[in-house]
Amino acid sequence: MPYTVYILFSLSHKKHYTGFTSNLEQRLISHNELGSGWTAKYRPWVVIYTKEFSDKAEAMKYEKWLKSGAGRDFIKNL
């Protein structure tokens, strides 16, 4: 099963969110329409970056890197 690491951006609040999923379409619906967590406060979200992995552990490792200082610098340059 493929896994997608994704970066979302809230145009109205100028915020980024990074995550990973095995179903990006459903996850985006979850961020924009369902739930009441952190992402609900900054709706609507748009996908600005994706990268696919065949291995869940590799996807998690890349997501963790994106949340590091070097990864945040990478996101700023998108």
PDB file of N, CA and C in Angstrom:
ATOM      1  N   MET A   1       0.850  -1.183   0.000  1.00  0.00           N
ATOM      2  CA  MET A   1       0.000   0.000   0.000  1.00  0.00           C
ATOM      3  C   MET A   1       0.893   1.242   0.000  1.00  0.00           C
ATOM      4  N   PRO A   2       0.644   2.183  -0.915  1.00  0.00           N
ATOM      5  CA  PRO A   2       1.461   3.407  -0.933  1.00  0.00           C
ATOM      6  C   PRO A   2       1.059   4.379   0.180  1.00  0.00           C
ATOM      7  N   TYR A   3       2.025   5.127   0.640  1.00  0.00           N
ATOM      8  CA  TYR A   3       1.794   6.158   1.652  1.00  0.00           C
ATOM      9  C   TYR A   3       2.218   7.493   1.074  1.00  0.00           C
ATOM     10  N   THR A   4       1.471   8.520   1.390  1.00  0.00           N
ATOM     11  CA  THR A   4       1.756   9.853   0.885  1.00  0.00           C
ATOM     12  C   THR A   4       2.071  10.779   2.042  1.00  0.00           C
ATOM     13  N   VAL A   5       3.223  11.421   1.979  1.00  0.00           N
ATOM     14  CA  VAL A   5       3.550  12.503   2.902  1.00  0.00           C
ATOM     15  C   VAL A   5       3.069  13.773   2.214  1.00  0.00           C
ATOM     16  N   TYR A   6       2.384  14.620   2.963  1.00  0.00           N
ATOM     17  CA  TYR A   6       1.775  15.803   2.350  1.00  0.00           C
ATOM     18  C   TYR A   6       1.997  17.035   3.209  1.00  0.00           C
ATOM     19  N   ILE A   7       1.959  18.172   2.536  1.00  0.00           N
ATOM     20  CA  ILE A   7       2.020  19.455   3.227  1.00  0.00           C
ATOM     21  C   ILE A   7       0.793  20.242   2.796  1.00  0.00           C
ATOM     22  N   LEU A   8       0.060  20.718   3.778  1.00  0.00           N
ATOM     23  CA  LEU A   8      -1.113  21.546   3.535  1.00  0.00           C
ATOM     24  C   LEU A   8      -0.775  22.986   3.873  1.00  0.00           C
ATOM     25  N   PHE A   9      -1.498  23.905   3.255  1.00  0.00           N
ATOM     26  CA  PHE A   9      -1.314  25.323   3.544  1.00  0.00           C
ATOM     27  C   PHE A   9      -2.670  25.978   3.699  1.00  0.00           C
ATOM     28  N   SER A  10      -2.807  26.789   4.734  1.00  0.00           N
ATOM     29  CA  SER A  10      -4.014  27.579   4.964  1.00  0.00           C
ATOM     30  C   SER A  10      -3.745  28.990   4.461  1.00  0.00           C
ATOM     31  N   LEU A  11      -4.365  29.347   3.354  1.00  0.00           N
ATOM     32  CA  LEU A  11      -4.172  30.685   2.791  1.00  0.00           C
ATOM     33  C   LEU A  11      -4.648  31.772   3.743  1.00  0.00           C
ATOM     34  N   SER A  12      -5.762  31.527   4.430  1.00  0.00           N
ATOM     35  CA  SER A  12      -6.343  32.555   5.287  1.00  0.00           C
ATOM     36  C   SER A  12      -5.527  32.808   6.553  1.00  0.00           C
ATOM     37  N   HIS A  13      -4.782  31.810   7.022  1.00  0.00           N
ATOM     38  CA  HIS A  13      -4.013  31.960   8.264  1.00  0.00           C
ATOM     39  C   HIS A  13      -2.500  31.840   8.071  1.00  0.00           C
ATOM     40  N   LYS A  14      -2.073  31.563   6.832  1.00  0.00           N
ATOM     41  CA  LYS A  14      -0.633  31.435   6.529  1.00  0.00           C
ATOM     42  C   LYS A  14       0.050  30.374   7.398  1.00  0.00           C
ATOM     43  N   LYS A  15      -0.619  29.233   7.555  1.00  0.00           N
ATOM     44  CA  LYS A  15      -0.097  28.120   8.358  1.00  0.00           C
ATOM     45  C   LYS A  15       0.154  26.912   7.468  1.00  0.00           C
ATOM     46  N   HIS A  16       1.141  26.095   7.857  1.00  0.00           N
ATOM     47  CA  HIS A  16       1.434  24.829   7.188  1.00  0.00           C
ATOM     48  C   HIS A  16       1.068  23.678   8.115  1.00  0.00           C
ATOM     49  N   TYR A  17       0.734  22.547   7.514  1.00  0.00           N
ATOM     50  CA  TYR A  17       0.514  21.317   8.268  1.00  0.00           C
ATOM     51  C   TYR A  17       1.156  20.183   7.490  1.00  0.00           C
ATOM     52  N   THR A  18       1.896  19.335   8.157  1.00  0.00           N
ATOM     53  CA  THR A  18       2.567  18.207   7.532  1.00  0.00           C
ATOM     54  C   THR A  18       2.042  16.913   8.130  1.00  0.00           C
ATOM     55  N   GLY A  19       1.768  15.932   7.268  1.00  0.00           N
ATOM     56  CA  GLY A  19       1.293  14.645   7.740  1.00  0.00           C
ATOM     57  C   GLY A  19       1.560  13.558   6.717  1.00  0.00           C
ATOM     58  N   PHE A  20       1.105  12.339   7.028  1.00  0.00           N
ATOM     59  CA  PHE A  20       1.190  11.257   6.057  1.00  0.00           C
ATOM     60  C   PHE A  20      -0.081  10.429   6.143  1.00  0.00           C
ATOM     61  N   THR A  21      -0.403   9.756   5.042  1.00  0.00           N
ATOM     62  CA  THR A  21      -1.635   8.988   4.962  1.00  0.00           C
ATOM     63  C   THR A  21      -1.536   7.943   3.868  1.00  0.00           C
ATOM     64  N   SER A  22      -2.448   6.991   3.902  1.00  0.00           N
ATOM     65  CA  SER A  22      -2.551   6.027   2.810  1.00  0.00           C
ATOM     66  C   SER A  22      -3.708   6.391   1.881  1.00  0.00           C
ATOM     67  N   ASN A  23      -4.456   7.463   2.218  1.00  0.00           N
ATOM     68  CA  ASN A  23      -5.575   7.911   1.386  1.00  0.00           C
ATOM     69  C   ASN A  23      -5.652   9.438   1.464  1.00  0.00           C
ATOM     70  N   LEU A  24      -4.937  10.105   0.592  1.00  0.00           N
ATOM     71  CA  LEU A  24      -4.840  11.563   0.651  1.00  0.00           C
ATOM     72  C   LEU A  24      -6.189  12.248   0.434  1.00  0.00           C
ATOM     73  N   GLU A  25      -6.974  11.747  -0.499  1.00  0.00           N
ATOM     74  CA  GLU A  25      -8.273  12.364  -0.769  1.00  0.00           C
ATOM     75  C   GLU A  25      -9.157  12.370   0.481  1.00  0.00           C
ATOM     76  N   GLN A  26      -9.249  11.235   1.159  1.00  0.00           N
ATOM     77  CA  GLN A  26     -10.063  11.143   2.370  1.00  0.00           C
ATOM     78  C   GLN A  26      -9.460  11.982   3.501  1.00  0.00           C
ATOM     79  N   ARG A  27      -8.155  12.006   3.584  1.00  0.00           N
ATOM     80  CA  ARG A  27      -7.496  12.775   4.654  1.00  0.00           C
ATOM     81  C   ARG A  27      -7.731  14.271   4.478  1.00  0.00           C
ATOM     82  N   LEU A  28      -7.718  14.745   3.238  1.00  0.00           N
ATOM     83  CA  LEU A  28      -7.981  16.162   2.980  1.00  0.00           C
ATOM     84  C   LEU A  28      -9.416  16.516   3.366  1.00  0.00           C
ATOM     85  N   ILE A  29     -10.356  15.631   3.078  1.00  0.00           N
ATOM     86  CA  ILE A  29     -11.746  15.843   3.507  1.00  0.00           C
ATOM     87  C   ILE A  29     -11.801  15.918   5.023  1.00  0.00           C
ATOM     88  N   SER A  30     -11.065  15.043   5.676  1.00  0.00           N
ATOM     89  CA  SER A  30     -11.023  15.039   7.139  1.00  0.00           C
ATOM     90  C   SER A  30     -10.516  16.370   7.687  1.00  0.00           C
ATOM     91  N   HIS A  31      -9.446  16.893   7.094  1.00  0.00           N
ATOM     92  CA  HIS A  31      -8.889  18.168   7.552  1.00  0.00           C
ATOM     93  C   HIS A  31      -9.843  19.340   7.284  1.00  0.00           C
ATOM     94  N   ASN A  32     -10.523  19.312   6.148  1.00  0.00           N
ATOM     95  CA  ASN A  32     -11.346  20.455   5.742  1.00  0.00           C
ATOM     96  C   ASN A  32     -12.801  20.401   6.190  1.00  0.00           C
ATOM     97  N   GLU A  33     -13.330  19.217   6.486  1.00  0.00           N
ATOM     98  CA  GLU A  33     -14.756  19.116   6.773  1.00  0.00           C
ATOM     99  C   GLU A  33     -15.094  18.392   8.077  1.00  0.00           C
ATOM    100  N   LEU A  34     -14.255  17.493   8.510  1.00  0.00           N
ATOM    101  CA  LEU A  34     -14.547  16.680   9.683  1.00  0.00           C
ATOM    102  C   LEU A  34     -13.638  17.086  10.837  1.00  0.00           C
ATOM    103  N   GLY A  35     -13.830  16.494  11.957  1.00  0.00           N
ATOM    104  CA  GLY A  35     -12.919  16.684  13.074  1.00  0.00           C
ATOM    105  C   GLY A  35     -12.957  18.073  13.695  1.00  0.00           C
ATOM    106  N   SER A  36     -12.334  18.161  14.859  1.00  0.00           N
ATOM    107  CA  SER A  36     -12.324  19.420  15.596  1.00  0.00           C
ATOM    108  C   SER A  36     -10.951  19.707  16.200  1.00  0.00           C
ATOM    109  N   GLY A  37      -9.917  19.080  15.659  1.00  0.00           N
ATOM    110  CA  GLY A  37      -8.572  19.256  16.190  1.00  0.00           C
ATOM    111  C   GLY A  37      -7.906  20.532  15.710  1.00  0.00           C
ATOM    112  N   TRP A  38      -6.590  20.551  15.780  1.00  0.00           N
ATOM    113  CA  TRP A  38      -5.803  21.735  15.438  1.00  0.00           C
ATOM    114  C   TRP A  38      -6.095  22.224  14.036  1.00  0.00           C
ATOM    115  N   THR A  39      -6.177  21.308  13.067  1.00  0.00           N
ATOM    116  CA  THR A  39      -6.367  21.734  11.678  1.00  0.00           C
ATOM    117  C   THR A  39      -7.734  22.368  11.440  1.00  0.00           C
ATOM    118  N   ALA A  40      -8.721  22.046  12.251  1.00  0.00           N
ATOM    119  CA  ALA A  40     -10.064  22.615  12.063  1.00  0.00           C
ATOM    120  C   ALA A  40     -10.052  24.136  12.222  1.00  0.00           C
ATOM    121  N   LYS A  41      -9.164  24.651  13.047  1.00  0.00           N
ATOM    122  CA  LYS A  41      -9.107  26.094  13.309  1.00  0.00           C
ATOM    123  C   LYS A  41      -8.604  26.906  12.124  1.00  0.00           C
ATOM    124  N   TYR A  42      -7.912  26.248  11.192  1.00  0.00           N
ATOM    125  CA  TYR A  42      -7.249  26.983  10.121  1.00  0.00           C
ATOM    126  C   TYR A  42      -7.788  26.643   8.729  1.00  0.00           C
ATOM    127  N   ARG A  43      -8.977  26.100   8.670  1.00  0.00           N
ATOM    128  CA  ARG A  43      -9.600  25.761   7.384  1.00  0.00           C
ATOM    129  C   ARG A  43      -9.843  26.997   6.558  1.00  0.00           C
ATOM    130  N   PRO A  44      -9.856  26.876   5.235  1.00  0.00           N
ATOM    131  CA  PRO A  44      -9.649  25.674   4.434  1.00  0.00           C
ATOM    132  C   PRO A  44      -8.165  25.428   4.154  1.00  0.00           C
ATOM    133  N   TRP A  45      -7.840  24.174   3.873  1.00  0.00           N
ATOM    134  CA  TRP A  45      -6.489  23.744   3.568  1.00  0.00           C
ATOM    135  C   TRP A  45      -6.378  23.381   2.090  1.00  0.00           C
ATOM    136  N   VAL A  46      -5.211  23.657   1.512  1.00  0.00           N
ATOM    137  CA  VAL A  46      -4.900  23.207   0.155  1.00  0.00           C
ATOM    138  C   VAL A  46      -3.596  22.422   0.199  1.00  0.00           C
ATOM    139  N   VAL A  47      -3.495  21.416  -0.645  1.00  0.00           N
ATOM    140  CA  VAL A  47      -2.284  20.606  -0.729  1.00  0.00           C
ATOM    141  C   VAL A  47      -1.257  21.374  -1.554  1.00  0.00           C
ATOM    142  N   ILE A  48      -0.063  21.574  -0.981  1.00  0.00           N
ATOM    143  CA  ILE A  48       0.990  22.281  -1.722  1.00  0.00           C
ATOM    144  C   ILE A  48       2.165  21.368  -2.055  1.00  0.00           C
ATOM    145  N   TYR A  49       2.196  20.157  -1.477  1.00  0.00           N
ATOM    146  CA  TYR A  49       3.316  19.259  -1.735  1.00  0.00           C
ATOM    147  C   TYR A  49       2.926  17.844  -1.358  1.00  0.00           C
ATOM    148  N   THR A  50       3.340  16.873  -2.164  1.00  0.00           N
ATOM    149  CA  THR A  50       3.164  15.461  -1.832  1.00  0.00           C
ATOM    150  C   THR A  50       4.392  14.680  -2.274  1.00  0.00           C
ATOM    151  N   LYS A  51       4.646  13.586  -1.579  1.00  0.00           N
ATOM    152  CA  LYS A  51       5.694  12.648  -1.967  1.00  0.00           C
ATOM    153  C   LYS A  51       5.230  11.259  -1.548  1.00  0.00           C
ATOM    154  N   GLU A  52       5.286  10.313  -2.471  1.00  0.00           N
ATOM    155  CA  GLU A  52       4.793   8.965  -2.193  1.00  0.00           C
ATOM    156  C   GLU A  52       5.910   8.013  -1.805  1.00  0.00           C
ATOM    157  N   PHE A  53       5.549   7.068  -0.936  1.00  0.00           N
ATOM    158  CA  PHE A  53       6.464   6.038  -0.452  1.00  0.00           C
ATOM    159  C   PHE A  53       5.742   4.698  -0.476  1.00  0.00           C
ATOM    160  N   SER A  54       6.471   3.632  -0.733  1.00  0.00           N
ATOM    161  CA  SER A  54       5.866   2.302  -0.695  1.00  0.00           C
ATOM    162  C   SER A  54       5.931   1.710   0.709  1.00  0.00           C
ATOM    163  N   ASP A  55       6.757   2.288   1.553  1.00  0.00           N
ATOM    164  CA  ASP A  55       6.982   1.771   2.898  1.00  0.00           C
ATOM    165  C   ASP A  55       6.528   2.788   3.958  1.00  0.00           C
ATOM    166  N   LYS A  56       5.714   2.348   4.899  1.00  0.00           N
ATOM    167  CA  LYS A  56       5.184   3.248   5.932  1.00  0.00           C
ATOM    168  C   LYS A  56       6.302   3.854   6.778  1.00  0.00           C
ATOM    169  N   ALA A  57       7.283   3.052   7.140  1.00  0.00           N
ATOM    170  CA  ALA A  57       8.385   3.551   7.974  1.00  0.00           C
ATOM    171  C   ALA A  57       9.150   4.666   7.265  1.00  0.00           C
ATOM    172  N   GLU A  58       9.362   4.529   5.963  1.00  0.00           N
ATOM    173  CA  GLU A  58      10.059   5.571   5.202  1.00  0.00           C
ATOM    174  C   GLU A  58       9.221   6.852   5.142  1.00  0.00           C
ATOM    175  N   ALA A  59       7.919   6.699   4.975  1.00  0.00           N
ATOM    176  CA  ALA A  59       7.033   7.868   4.960  1.00  0.00           C
ATOM    177  C   ALA A  59       7.093   8.589   6.302  1.00  0.00           C
ATOM    178  N   MET A  60       7.065   7.838   7.385  1.00  0.00           N
ATOM    179  CA  MET A  60       7.123   8.437   8.717  1.00  0.00           C
ATOM    180  C   MET A  60       8.462   9.141   8.946  1.00  0.00           C
ATOM    181  N   LYS A  61       9.524   8.537   8.458  1.00  0.00           N
ATOM    182  CA  LYS A  61      10.856   9.131   8.591  1.00  0.00           C
ATOM    183  C   LYS A  61      10.931  10.460   7.833  1.00  0.00           C
ATOM    184  N   TYR A  62      10.365  10.488   6.620  1.00  0.00           N
ATOM    185  CA  TYR A  62      10.380  11.715   5.824  1.00  0.00           C
ATOM    186  C   TYR A  62       9.498  12.786   6.458  1.00  0.00           C
ATOM    187  N   GLU A  63       8.356  12.396   6.980  1.00  0.00           N
ATOM    188  CA  GLU A  63       7.481  13.354   7.670  1.00  0.00           C
ATOM    189  C   GLU A  63       8.226  13.968   8.862  1.00  0.00           C
ATOM    190  N   LYS A  64       8.920  13.138   9.611  1.00  0.00           N
ATOM    191  CA  LYS A  64       9.680  13.631  10.763  1.00  0.00           C
ATOM    192  C   LYS A  64      10.752  14.621  10.308  1.00  0.00           C
ATOM    193  N   TRP A  65      11.423  14.327   9.185  1.00  0.00           N
ATOM    194  CA  TRP A  65      12.436  15.240   8.663  1.00  0.00           C
ATOM    195  C   TRP A  65      11.800  16.578   8.279  1.00  0.00           C
ATOM    196  N   LEU A  66      10.615  16.540   7.632  1.00  0.00           N
ATOM    197  CA  LEU A  66       9.950  17.783   7.244  1.00  0.00           C
ATOM    198  C   LEU A  66       9.624  18.655   8.452  1.00  0.00           C
ATOM    199  N   LYS A  67       9.442  18.029   9.601  1.00  0.00           N
ATOM    200  CA  LYS A  67       9.118  18.777  10.820  1.00  0.00           C
ATOM    201  C   LYS A  67      10.378  19.251  11.558  1.00  0.00           C
ATOM    202  N   SER A  68      11.552  18.916  11.032  1.00  0.00           N
ATOM    203  CA  SER A  68      12.814  19.368  11.627  1.00  0.00           C
ATOM    204  C   SER A  68      13.158  20.752  11.093  1.00  0.00           C
ATOM    205  N   GLY A  69      14.213  21.331  11.586  1.00  0.00           N
ATOM    206  CA  GLY A  69      14.644  22.645  11.120  1.00  0.00           C
ATOM    207  C   GLY A  69      14.941  22.663   9.628  1.00  0.00           C
ATOM    208  N   ALA A  70      15.668  21.663   9.143  1.00  0.00           N
ATOM    209  CA  ALA A  70      15.983  21.591   7.714  1.00  0.00           C
ATOM    210  C   ALA A  70      14.719  21.396   6.887  1.00  0.00           C
ATOM    211  N   GLY A  71      13.811  20.575   7.387  1.00  0.00           N
ATOM    212  CA  GLY A  71      12.551  20.349   6.678  1.00  0.00           C
ATOM    213  C   GLY A  71      11.690  21.598   6.628  1.00  0.00           C
ATOM    214  N   ARG A  72      11.652  22.346   7.718  1.00  0.00           N
ATOM    215  CA  ARG A  72      10.872  23.594   7.729  1.00  0.00           C
ATOM    216  C   ARG A  72      11.472  24.606   6.746  1.00  0.00           C
ATOM    217  N   ASP A  73      12.793  24.613   6.623  1.00  0.00           N
ATOM    218  CA  ASP A  73      13.437  25.481   5.610  1.00  0.00           C
ATOM    219  C   ASP A  73      13.018  25.057   4.207  1.00  0.00           C
ATOM    220  N   PHE A  74      12.966  23.744   3.965  1.00  0.00           N
ATOM    221  CA  PHE A  74      12.518  23.224   2.685  1.00  0.00           C
ATOM    222  C   PHE A  74      11.083  23.697   2.394  1.00  0.00           C
ATOM    223  N   ILE A  75      10.207  23.614   3.392  1.00  0.00           N
ATOM    224  CA  ILE A  75       8.803  24.025   3.217  1.00  0.00           C
ATOM    225  C   ILE A  75       8.710  25.509   2.903  1.00  0.00           C
ATOM    226  N   LYS A  76       9.507  26.334   3.552  1.00  0.00           N
ATOM    227  CA  LYS A  76       9.471  27.773   3.302  1.00  0.00           C
ATOM    228  C   LYS A  76       9.799  28.104   1.854  1.00  0.00           C
ATOM    229  N   ASN A  77      10.608  27.243   1.217  1.00  0.00           N
ATOM    230  CA  ASN A  77      11.011  27.497  -0.164  1.00  0.00           C
ATOM    231  C   ASN A  77      10.048  26.917  -1.203  1.00  0.00           C
ATOM    232  N   LEU A  78       8.980  26.300  -0.753  1.00  0.00           N
ATOM    233  CA  LEU A  78       8.002  25.751  -1.717  1.00  0.00           C
ATOM    234  C   LEU A  78       7.256  26.872  -2.409  1.00  0.00           C
TER     235      LEU A  78
END
